Amino acid sequence: MFKGRHIRHIRLIVAFVLGIIIGCITMTISYGAKLEGLYAERETLYYEYNQRVKKIQLLQQDLDKRAQQNARQQEGSQIIKQIQVEIDSPVKFNQSIVKTEVETILKPFLNKSVRWVSSDPALLDTMLKKRLVKLPDKNTVEIRLKYLAFFDSELKVWVSAREISDKDVSMSGE
């Protein structure tokens, strides 16, 4: 009898161990396929993630490149490269000489920053205030700054000009 009980316990233990082994094998087979699918999906997601990161980096580099080009372009347009003079006068006289004279007076502003000039426009006014220009026909023209404007890299200046006679000019400097 004692032997029969042992065999019965051994059979129960063996049946229990076999049940555990068969259960593990069944679980491995049934969930292994699902795990393989999840691993494949994870690899696909990693690949797509890396592709998108590369695309974002390329877009960021392109954006940085365009920003640098834009900054260089704005920097170039922030420099006065041309001065254009317009004469406002009721009397028609040799305006090309007056334009040339004003352009010569304003030549130091070429290749200077627009901000430098726009921060102190009184400097231009001082340079052109009551400036006298001698014309070839022995007449004299007095010029004054009327307006100034910036268009990209161009300084546009409007000056008023009036012809003065020798009687208007005094020796006192006024």
N, C-alpha and C. Protein backbone atom coordinates (compact mmCIF):
# COMPACT_ATOMS: atom_id res chain seq x y z
N MET A 1 0.77 -1.18 0.00
CA MET A 1 0.00 0.00 0.00
C MET A 1 0.84 1.27 0.00
N PHE A 2 1.83 1.19 0.71
CA PHE A 2 2.68 2.34 0.82
C PHE A 2 3.29 2.67 -0.53
N LYS A 3 3.53 1.58 -1.29
CA LYS A 3 4.12 1.74 -2.59
C LYS A 3 3.11 2.35 -3.55
N GLY A 4 1.88 1.98 -3.46
CA GLY A 4 0.84 2.50 -4.34
C GLY A 4 0.61 3.99 -4.13
N ARG A 5 0.78 4.41 -2.88
CA ARG A 5 0.60 5.86 -2.61
C ARG A 5 1.73 6.67 -3.22
N HIS A 6 2.90 6.11 -3.18
CA HIS A 6 4.04 6.81 -3.75
C HIS A 6 3.91 6.95 -5.25
N ILE A 7 3.49 5.89 -5.87
CA ILE A 7 3.33 5.89 -7.31
C ILE A 7 2.24 6.90 -7.70
N ARG A 8 1.20 6.92 -6.91
CA ARG A 8 0.12 7.86 -7.18
C ARG A 8 0.61 9.29 -7.03
N HIS A 9 1.39 9.59 -6.02
CA HIS A 9 1.96 10.95 -5.84
C HIS A 9 2.93 11.28 -6.97
N ILE A 10 3.70 10.30 -7.37
CA ILE A 10 4.66 10.53 -8.45
C ILE A 10 3.89 10.80 -9.73
N ARG A 11 2.82 10.04 -9.99
CA ARG A 11 2.01 10.27 -11.18
C ARG A 11 1.39 11.67 -11.14
N LEU A 12 0.91 12.10 -9.99
CA LEU A 12 0.35 13.44 -9.87
C LEU A 12 1.41 14.51 -10.13
N ILE A 13 2.58 14.31 -9.59
CA ILE A 13 3.68 15.28 -9.80
C ILE A 13 4.07 15.31 -11.26
N VAL A 14 4.18 14.11 -11.89
CA VAL A 14 4.55 14.04 -13.30
C VAL A 14 3.45 14.68 -14.14
N ALA A 15 2.17 14.38 -13.82
CA ALA A 15 1.06 14.98 -14.57
C ALA A 15 1.08 16.50 -14.39
N PHE A 16 1.38 16.99 -13.20
CA PHE A 16 1.45 18.43 -12.93
C PHE A 16 2.58 19.06 -13.74
N VAL A 17 3.76 18.43 -13.73
CA VAL A 17 4.92 18.96 -14.46
C VAL A 17 4.62 18.92 -15.96
N LEU A 18 4.03 17.80 -16.45
CA LEU A 18 3.69 17.73 -17.87
C LEU A 18 2.65 18.80 -18.23
N GLY A 19 1.71 19.04 -17.36
CA GLY A 19 0.71 20.09 -17.59
C GLY A 19 1.36 21.46 -17.69
N ILE A 20 2.32 21.69 -16.82
CA ILE A 20 3.05 22.98 -16.87
C ILE A 20 3.83 23.09 -18.18
N ILE A 21 4.52 22.03 -18.57
CA ILE A 21 5.31 22.05 -19.80
C ILE A 21 4.40 22.23 -21.01
N ILE A 22 3.32 21.46 -21.08
CA ILE A 22 2.39 21.56 -22.20
C ILE A 22 1.75 22.96 -22.23
N GLY A 23 1.41 23.50 -21.08
CA GLY A 23 0.85 24.86 -21.00
C GLY A 23 1.84 25.91 -21.49
N CYS A 24 3.10 25.75 -21.09
CA CYS A 24 4.13 26.71 -21.54
C CYS A 24 4.32 26.63 -23.05
N ILE A 25 4.35 25.39 -23.58
CA ILE A 25 4.52 25.23 -25.02
C ILE A 25 3.34 25.85 -25.76
N THR A 26 2.13 25.60 -25.27
CA THR A 26 0.94 26.17 -25.90
C THR A 26 0.97 27.70 -25.84
N MET A 27 1.32 28.23 -24.70
CA MET A 27 1.41 29.70 -24.55
C MET A 27 2.47 30.27 -25.49
N THR A 28 3.63 29.60 -25.57
CA THR A 28 4.71 30.08 -26.42
C THR A 28 4.28 30.07 -27.88
N ILE A 29 3.62 29.00 -28.30
CA ILE A 29 3.19 28.92 -29.71
C ILE A 29 2.12 29.98 -29.99
N SER A 30 1.13 30.09 -29.11
CA SER A 30 0.03 31.02 -29.40
C SER A 30 0.45 32.48 -29.26
N TYR A 31 1.22 32.82 -28.25
CA TYR A 31 1.64 34.22 -28.07
C TYR A 31 2.94 34.55 -28.77
N GLY A 32 3.70 33.57 -29.21
CA GLY A 32 4.95 33.80 -29.94
C GLY A 32 4.69 34.50 -31.25
N ALA A 33 3.63 34.06 -31.94
CA ALA A 33 3.30 34.69 -33.22
C ALA A 33 2.91 36.15 -32.99
N LYS A 34 2.15 36.39 -31.93
CA LYS A 34 1.77 37.78 -31.63
C LYS A 34 3.00 38.62 -31.28
N LEU A 35 3.92 38.03 -30.50
CA LEU A 35 5.14 38.76 -30.14
C LEU A 35 5.99 39.06 -31.37
N GLU A 36 6.10 38.12 -32.30
CA GLU A 36 6.84 38.34 -33.53
C GLU A 36 6.22 39.49 -34.33
N GLY A 37 4.89 39.50 -34.39
CA GLY A 37 4.20 40.59 -35.08
C GLY A 37 4.47 41.93 -34.42
N LEU A 38 4.47 41.94 -33.08
CA LEU A 38 4.75 43.18 -32.35
C LEU A 38 6.20 43.63 -32.55
N TYR A 39 7.14 42.68 -32.57
CA TYR A 39 8.54 43.04 -32.82
C TYR A 39 8.71 43.61 -34.24
N ALA A 40 8.04 42.99 -35.21
CA ALA A 40 8.12 43.49 -36.59
C ALA A 40 7.51 44.88 -36.68
N GLU A 41 6.39 45.10 -35.99
CA GLU A 41 5.76 46.42 -35.99
C GLU A 41 6.65 47.45 -35.32
N ARG A 42 7.32 47.06 -34.25
CA ARG A 42 8.24 47.97 -33.55
C ARG A 42 9.40 48.36 -34.47
N GLU A 43 9.95 47.40 -35.20
CA GLU A 43 11.04 47.70 -36.12
C GLU A 43 10.57 48.65 -37.23
N THR A 44 9.35 48.43 -37.72
CA THR A 44 8.79 49.31 -38.74
C THR A 44 8.62 50.73 -38.19
N LEU A 45 8.14 50.81 -36.96
CA LEU A 45 7.96 52.13 -36.35
C LEU A 45 9.30 52.82 -36.12
N TYR A 46 10.33 52.08 -35.70
CA TYR A 46 11.66 52.66 -35.54
C TYR A 46 12.18 53.18 -36.88
N TYR A 47 11.97 52.40 -37.94
CA TYR A 47 12.42 52.81 -39.26
C TYR A 47 11.71 54.09 -39.71
N GLU A 48 10.39 54.12 -39.57
CA GLU A 48 9.63 55.31 -39.95
C GLU A 48 10.04 56.51 -39.11
N TYR A 49 10.27 56.29 -37.82
CA TYR A 49 10.70 57.37 -36.93
C TYR A 49 12.04 57.94 -37.40
N ASN A 50 12.99 57.06 -37.71
CA ASN A 50 14.30 57.52 -38.17
C ASN A 50 14.20 58.26 -39.50
N GLN A 51 13.33 57.78 -40.39
CA GLN A 51 13.14 58.47 -41.66
C GLN A 51 12.57 59.87 -41.44
N ARG A 52 11.64 59.99 -40.56
CA ARG A 52 11.05 61.31 -40.28
C ARG A 52 12.04 62.23 -39.59
N VAL A 53 12.86 61.67 -38.70
CA VAL A 53 13.89 62.50 -38.05
C VAL A 53 14.86 63.02 -39.10
N LYS A 54 15.25 62.17 -40.05
CA LYS A 54 16.15 62.61 -41.13
C LYS A 54 15.48 63.70 -41.97
N LYS A 55 14.20 63.51 -42.27
CA LYS A 55 13.48 64.50 -43.07
C LYS A 55 13.39 65.83 -42.32
N ILE A 56 13.13 65.76 -41.02
CA ILE A 56 13.06 66.99 -40.21
C ILE A 56 14.43 67.68 -40.19
N GLN A 57 15.50 66.89 -40.07
CA GLN A 57 16.83 67.48 -40.08
C GLN A 57 17.13 68.16 -41.42
N LEU A 58 16.73 67.51 -42.52
CA LEU A 58 16.94 68.11 -43.84
C LEU A 58 16.13 69.40 -43.99
N LEU A 59 14.89 69.37 -43.51
CA LEU A 59 14.06 70.58 -43.56
C LEU A 59 14.65 71.68 -42.68
N GLN A 60 15.18 71.31 -41.53
CA GLN A 60 15.80 72.29 -40.63
C GLN A 60 17.03 72.90 -41.29
N GLN A 61 17.85 72.06 -41.95
CA GLN A 61 19.02 72.58 -42.64
C GLN A 61 18.61 73.52 -43.78
N ASP A 62 17.57 73.13 -44.51
CA ASP A 62 17.07 73.98 -45.60
C ASP A 62 16.55 75.31 -45.05
N LEU A 63 15.83 75.22 -43.93
CA LEU A 63 15.31 76.43 -43.29
C LEU A 63 16.45 77.32 -42.81
N ASP A 64 17.47 76.73 -42.21
CA ASP A 64 18.63 77.51 -41.76
C ASP A 64 19.34 78.16 -42.95
N LYS A 65 19.47 77.40 -44.02
CA LYS A 65 20.13 77.92 -45.22
C LYS A 65 19.35 79.10 -45.79
N ARG A 66 18.02 78.94 -45.87
CA ARG A 66 17.19 80.04 -46.39
C ARG A 66 17.23 81.25 -45.45
N ALA A 67 17.27 81.00 -44.15
CA ALA A 67 17.35 82.10 -43.19
C ALA A 67 18.65 82.86 -43.35
N GLN A 68 19.75 82.13 -43.58
CA GLN A 68 21.04 82.79 -43.80
C GLN A 68 21.02 83.61 -45.09
N GLN A 69 20.43 83.04 -46.16
CA GLN A 69 20.34 83.78 -47.42
C GLN A 69 19.48 85.02 -47.25
N ASN A 70 18.37 84.88 -46.52
CA ASN A 70 17.49 86.01 -46.27
C ASN A 70 18.21 87.07 -45.44
N ALA A 71 18.97 86.62 -44.44
CA ALA A 71 19.71 87.57 -43.60
C ALA A 71 20.76 88.31 -44.44
N ARG A 72 21.46 87.57 -45.32
CA ARG A 72 22.45 88.22 -46.19
C ARG A 72 21.77 89.20 -47.14
N GLN A 73 20.60 88.80 -47.64
CA GLN A 73 19.87 89.67 -48.56
C GLN A 73 19.39 90.93 -47.84
N GLN A 74 18.87 90.76 -46.63
CA GLN A 74 18.43 91.93 -45.87
C GLN A 74 19.61 92.79 -45.49
N GLU A 75 20.73 92.14 -45.16
CA GLU A 75 21.92 92.89 -44.80
C GLU A 75 22.38 93.71 -45.99
N GLY A 76 22.30 93.11 -47.19
CA GLY A 76 22.67 93.83 -48.40
C GLY A 76 21.73 94.97 -48.70
N SER A 77 20.46 94.79 -48.39
CA SER A 77 19.51 95.87 -48.65
C SER A 77 19.53 96.91 -47.55
N GLN A 78 20.22 96.66 -46.47
CA GLN A 78 20.33 97.62 -45.38
C GLN A 78 21.49 98.58 -45.59
N ILE A 79 22.17 98.46 -46.72
CA ILE A 79 23.28 99.34 -47.05
C ILE A 79 22.83 100.26 -48.19
N ILE A 80 23.15 101.53 -48.08
CA ILE A 80 22.80 102.48 -49.13
C ILE A 80 23.74 102.26 -50.31
N LYS A 81 23.18 101.84 -51.43
CA LYS A 81 23.99 101.55 -52.60
C LYS A 81 23.78 102.58 -53.71
N GLN A 82 22.72 103.35 -53.57
CA GLN A 82 22.42 104.34 -54.62
C GLN A 82 21.73 105.53 -53.97
N ILE A 83 22.04 106.70 -54.49
CA ILE A 83 21.38 107.93 -54.03
C ILE A 83 20.70 108.56 -55.24
N GLN A 84 19.42 108.82 -55.09
CA GLN A 84 18.65 109.45 -56.17
C GLN A 84 18.15 110.79 -55.64
N VAL A 85 18.31 111.80 -56.43
CA VAL A 85 17.95 113.16 -56.05
C VAL A 85 16.83 113.66 -56.95
N GLU A 86 15.82 114.23 -56.33
CA GLU A 86 14.72 114.86 -57.06
C GLU A 86 14.71 116.34 -56.68
N ILE A 87 14.58 117.20 -57.67
CA ILE A 87 14.58 118.64 -57.44
C ILE A 87 13.14 119.14 -57.51
N ASP A 88 12.73 119.89 -56.49
CA ASP A 88 11.40 120.49 -56.45
C ASP A 88 11.59 122.00 -56.52
N SER A 89 11.24 122.54 -57.68
CA SER A 89 11.42 123.98 -57.87
C SER A 89 10.37 124.49 -58.85
N PRO A 90 9.77 125.65 -58.55
CA PRO A 90 8.78 126.20 -59.48
C PRO A 90 9.46 126.74 -60.74
N VAL A 91 10.70 127.12 -60.62
CA VAL A 91 11.44 127.70 -61.75
C VAL A 91 12.29 126.60 -62.38
N LYS A 92 12.27 126.52 -63.69
CA LYS A 92 13.09 125.53 -64.38
C LYS A 92 14.45 126.15 -64.69
N PHE A 93 15.48 125.50 -64.25
CA PHE A 93 16.84 125.93 -64.54
C PHE A 93 17.65 124.67 -64.79
N ASN A 94 18.93 124.77 -64.83
CA ASN A 94 19.79 123.63 -65.12
C ASN A 94 19.81 122.68 -63.90
N GLN A 95 18.78 121.85 -63.81
CA GLN A 95 18.61 120.99 -62.63
C GLN A 95 19.63 119.85 -62.57
N SER A 96 20.16 119.45 -63.70
CA SER A 96 21.15 118.35 -63.68
C SER A 96 22.41 118.74 -62.91
N ILE A 97 22.79 120.01 -62.99
CA ILE A 97 23.96 120.47 -62.24
C ILE A 97 23.66 120.44 -60.75
N VAL A 98 22.45 120.86 -60.38
CA VAL A 98 22.07 120.84 -58.96
C VAL A 98 22.01 119.41 -58.47
N LYS A 99 21.44 118.50 -59.26
CA LYS A 99 21.38 117.08 -58.88
C LYS A 99 22.78 116.52 -58.66
N THR A 100 23.66 116.82 -59.59
CA THR A 100 25.04 116.34 -59.49
C THR A 100 25.71 116.88 -58.23
N GLU A 101 25.48 118.15 -57.94
CA GLU A 101 26.08 118.77 -56.74
C GLU A 101 25.55 118.11 -55.47
N VAL A 102 24.23 117.87 -55.41
CA VAL A 102 23.63 117.24 -54.22
C VAL A 102 24.14 115.80 -54.08
N GLU A 103 24.25 115.09 -55.19
CA GLU A 103 24.78 113.72 -55.15
C GLU A 103 26.22 113.72 -54.64
N THR A 104 27.00 114.71 -55.05
CA THR A 104 28.38 114.83 -54.57
C THR A 104 28.42 115.10 -53.07
N ILE A 105 27.52 115.97 -52.60
CA ILE A 105 27.46 116.28 -51.17
C ILE A 105 27.10 115.03 -50.36
N LEU A 106 26.19 114.22 -50.93
CA LEU A 106 25.70 113.04 -50.20
C LEU A 106 26.53 111.78 -50.44
N LYS A 107 27.58 111.88 -51.23
CA LYS A 107 28.40 110.71 -51.55
C LYS A 107 28.97 110.00 -50.31
N PRO A 108 29.30 110.69 -49.23
CA PRO A 108 29.80 109.97 -48.04
C PRO A 108 28.80 108.96 -47.46
N PHE A 109 27.54 109.08 -47.83
CA PHE A 109 26.53 108.16 -47.29
C PHE A 109 26.45 106.84 -48.07
N LEU A 110 27.09 106.80 -49.24
CA LEU A 110 27.10 105.55 -50.00
C LEU A 110 27.82 104.46 -49.20
N ASN A 111 27.30 103.25 -49.27
CA ASN A 111 27.84 102.08 -48.56
C ASN A 111 27.79 102.22 -47.05
N LYS A 112 26.93 103.07 -46.57
CA LYS A 112 26.68 103.19 -45.13
C LYS A 112 25.36 102.51 -44.81
N SER A 113 25.16 102.19 -43.57
CA SER A 113 23.95 101.52 -43.13
C SER A 113 22.75 102.46 -43.20
N VAL A 114 21.63 101.92 -43.62
CA VAL A 114 20.39 102.69 -43.66
C VAL A 114 20.03 103.15 -42.25
N ARG A 115 20.27 102.29 -41.28
CA ARG A 115 19.96 102.63 -39.89
C ARG A 115 20.79 103.82 -39.41
N TRP A 116 22.03 103.87 -39.85
CA TRP A 116 22.91 104.95 -39.43
C TRP A 116 22.33 106.29 -39.90
N VAL A 117 21.83 106.33 -41.13
CA VAL A 117 21.28 107.57 -41.68
C VAL A 117 19.90 107.83 -41.10
N SER A 118 19.07 106.79 -41.02
CA SER A 118 17.70 107.00 -40.55
C SER A 118 17.63 107.35 -39.07
N SER A 119 18.64 106.97 -38.32
CA SER A 119 18.62 107.30 -36.90
C SER A 119 18.92 108.78 -36.65
N ASP A 120 19.56 109.45 -37.63
CA ASP A 120 19.87 110.87 -37.48
C ASP A 120 19.65 111.59 -38.81
N PRO A 121 18.38 111.77 -39.23
CA PRO A 121 18.14 112.45 -40.51
C PRO A 121 18.49 113.94 -40.47
N ALA A 122 18.63 114.50 -39.29
CA ALA A 122 19.01 115.91 -39.19
C ALA A 122 20.41 116.15 -39.77
N LEU A 123 21.22 115.11 -39.81
CA LEU A 123 22.55 115.23 -40.38
C LEU A 123 22.46 115.60 -41.87
N LEU A 124 21.56 114.95 -42.57
CA LEU A 124 21.35 115.28 -43.99
C LEU A 124 20.82 116.71 -44.13
N ASP A 125 19.89 117.05 -43.26
CA ASP A 125 19.32 118.40 -43.31
C ASP A 125 20.42 119.43 -43.08
N THR A 126 21.30 119.17 -42.14
CA THR A 126 22.40 120.10 -41.84
C THR A 126 23.35 120.21 -43.05
N MET A 127 23.59 119.09 -43.70
CA MET A 127 24.52 119.12 -44.84
C MET A 127 23.95 119.90 -46.04
N LEU A 128 22.64 119.89 -46.16
CA LEU A 128 22.02 120.55 -47.33
C LEU A 128 21.40 121.90 -47.02
N LYS A 129 21.36 122.27 -45.75
CA LYS A 129 20.66 123.50 -45.35
C LYS A 129 21.38 124.72 -45.92
N LYS A 130 20.59 125.52 -46.65
CA LYS A 130 21.07 126.78 -47.22
C LYS A 130 22.36 126.61 -48.03
N ARG A 131 22.50 125.47 -48.66
CA ARG A 131 23.68 125.22 -49.49
C ARG A 131 23.51 125.96 -50.80
N LEU A 132 24.55 126.63 -51.25
CA LEU A 132 24.49 127.42 -52.48
C LEU A 132 25.22 126.68 -53.59
N VAL A 133 24.58 126.65 -54.76
CA VAL A 133 25.17 126.00 -55.92
C VAL A 133 25.26 127.05 -57.03
N LYS A 134 26.47 127.23 -57.55
CA LYS A 134 26.70 128.19 -58.65
C LYS A 134 26.40 127.48 -59.97
N LEU A 135 25.59 128.14 -60.79
CA LEU A 135 25.26 127.62 -62.12
C LEU A 135 26.18 128.26 -63.15
N PRO A 136 26.35 127.62 -64.31
CA PRO A 136 27.25 128.19 -65.32
C PRO A 136 26.82 129.56 -65.84
N ASP A 137 25.54 129.85 -65.75
CA ASP A 137 25.06 131.15 -66.24
C ASP A 137 25.20 132.24 -65.18
N LYS A 138 26.06 132.04 -64.21
CA LYS A 138 26.38 132.99 -63.15
C LYS A 138 25.27 133.16 -62.13
N ASN A 139 24.21 132.38 -62.20
CA ASN A 139 23.16 132.42 -61.20
C ASN A 139 23.52 131.47 -60.06
N THR A 140 22.87 131.71 -58.92
CA THR A 140 23.11 130.89 -57.74
C THR A 140 21.78 130.29 -57.30
N VAL A 141 21.83 129.03 -56.88
CA VAL A 141 20.63 128.33 -56.42
C VAL A 141 20.86 127.90 -54.97
N GLU A 142 19.87 128.17 -54.15
CA GLU A 142 19.93 127.73 -52.75
C GLU A 142 19.10 126.44 -52.63
N ILE A 143 19.68 125.42 -52.01
CA ILE A 143 18.97 124.15 -51.86
C ILE A 143 18.73 123.86 -50.38
N ARG A 144 17.63 123.15 -50.15
CA ARG A 144 17.27 122.72 -48.80
C ARG A 144 16.68 121.32 -48.90
N LEU A 145 16.89 120.56 -47.89
CA LEU A 145 16.30 119.21 -47.84
C LEU A 145 14.81 119.34 -47.59
N LYS A 146 14.03 118.64 -48.41
CA LYS A 146 12.58 118.66 -48.25
C LYS A 146 12.12 117.33 -47.64
N TYR A 147 12.43 116.24 -48.32
CA TYR A 147 12.07 114.89 -47.84
C TYR A 147 13.22 113.94 -48.10
N LEU A 148 13.20 112.85 -47.36
CA LEU A 148 14.11 111.75 -47.69
C LEU A 148 13.37 110.44 -47.41
N ALA A 149 13.71 109.44 -48.18
CA ALA A 149 13.05 108.13 -48.03
C ALA A 149 14.05 107.05 -48.41
N PHE A 150 13.80 105.86 -47.88
CA PHE A 150 14.63 104.70 -48.19
C PHE A 150 13.78 103.68 -48.94
N PHE A 151 14.26 103.24 -50.08
CA PHE A 151 13.63 102.18 -50.85
C PHE A 151 14.67 101.09 -51.04
N ASP A 152 14.52 100.00 -50.28
CA ASP A 152 15.50 98.91 -50.28
C ASP A 152 16.89 99.48 -50.00
N SER A 153 17.75 99.48 -51.01
CA SER A 153 19.11 99.97 -50.77
C SER A 153 19.34 101.33 -51.44
N GLU A 154 18.26 102.05 -51.65
CA GLU A 154 18.34 103.35 -52.31
C GLU A 154 17.89 104.45 -51.35
N LEU A 155 18.68 105.50 -51.29
CA LEU A 155 18.32 106.70 -50.54
C LEU A 155 17.77 107.69 -51.55
N LYS A 156 16.52 108.05 -51.38
CA LYS A 156 15.90 109.01 -52.29
C LYS A 156 15.72 110.31 -51.52
N VAL A 157 16.20 111.40 -52.12
CA VAL A 157 16.20 112.71 -51.46
C VAL A 157 15.49 113.71 -52.36
N TRP A 158 14.56 114.44 -51.76
CA TRP A 158 13.89 115.53 -52.46
C TRP A 158 14.42 116.83 -51.87
N VAL A 159 14.87 117.70 -52.73
CA VAL A 159 15.37 118.99 -52.26
C VAL A 159 14.56 120.09 -52.95
N SER A 160 14.36 121.15 -52.21
CA SER A 160 13.74 122.33 -52.82
C SER A 160 14.87 123.27 -53.22
N ALA A 161 14.69 123.86 -54.37
CA ALA A 161 15.74 124.75 -54.89
C ALA A 161 15.08 126.05 -55.32
N ARG A 162 15.75 127.12 -54.99
CA ARG A 162 15.25 128.42 -55.45
C ARG A 162 16.44 129.25 -55.89
N GLU A 163 16.19 129.97 -56.95
CA GLU A 163 17.22 130.83 -57.48
C GLU A 163 17.30 132.08 -56.62
N ILE A 164 18.49 132.47 -56.32
CA ILE A 164 18.64 133.71 -55.54
C ILE A 164 19.48 134.67 -56.34
N SER A 165 19.21 135.92 -56.12
CA SER A 165 19.98 136.96 -56.84
C SER A 165 21.10 137.43 -55.95
N ASP A 166 21.96 138.21 -56.52
CA ASP A 166 23.09 138.73 -55.76
C ASP A 166 22.61 139.62 -54.64
N LYS A 167 21.42 140.19 -54.76
CA LYS A 167 20.89 141.07 -53.71
C LYS A 167 20.52 140.26 -52.47
N ASP A 168 20.11 138.96 -52.67
CA ASP A 168 19.72 138.12 -51.54
C ASP A 168 20.90 137.67 -50.71
N VAL A 169 22.07 137.65 -51.30
CA VAL A 169 23.27 137.17 -50.61
C VAL A 169 23.89 138.33 -49.85
N SER A 170 24.14 138.10 -48.57
CA SER A 170 24.77 139.15 -47.78
C SER A 170 26.08 138.63 -47.23
N MET A 171 26.90 139.48 -46.83
CA MET A 171 28.22 139.12 -46.34
C MET A 171 28.19 138.70 -44.87
N SER A 172 27.08 138.90 -44.19
CA SER A 172 27.02 138.60 -42.75
C SER A 172 26.87 137.09 -42.51
N GLY A 173 26.62 136.30 -43.52
CA GLY A 173 26.52 134.85 -43.33
C GLY A 173 25.10 134.38 -43.06
N GLU A 174 24.12 135.25 -43.13
CA GLU A 174 22.74 134.87 -42.85
C GLU A 174 22.01 134.57 -44.12
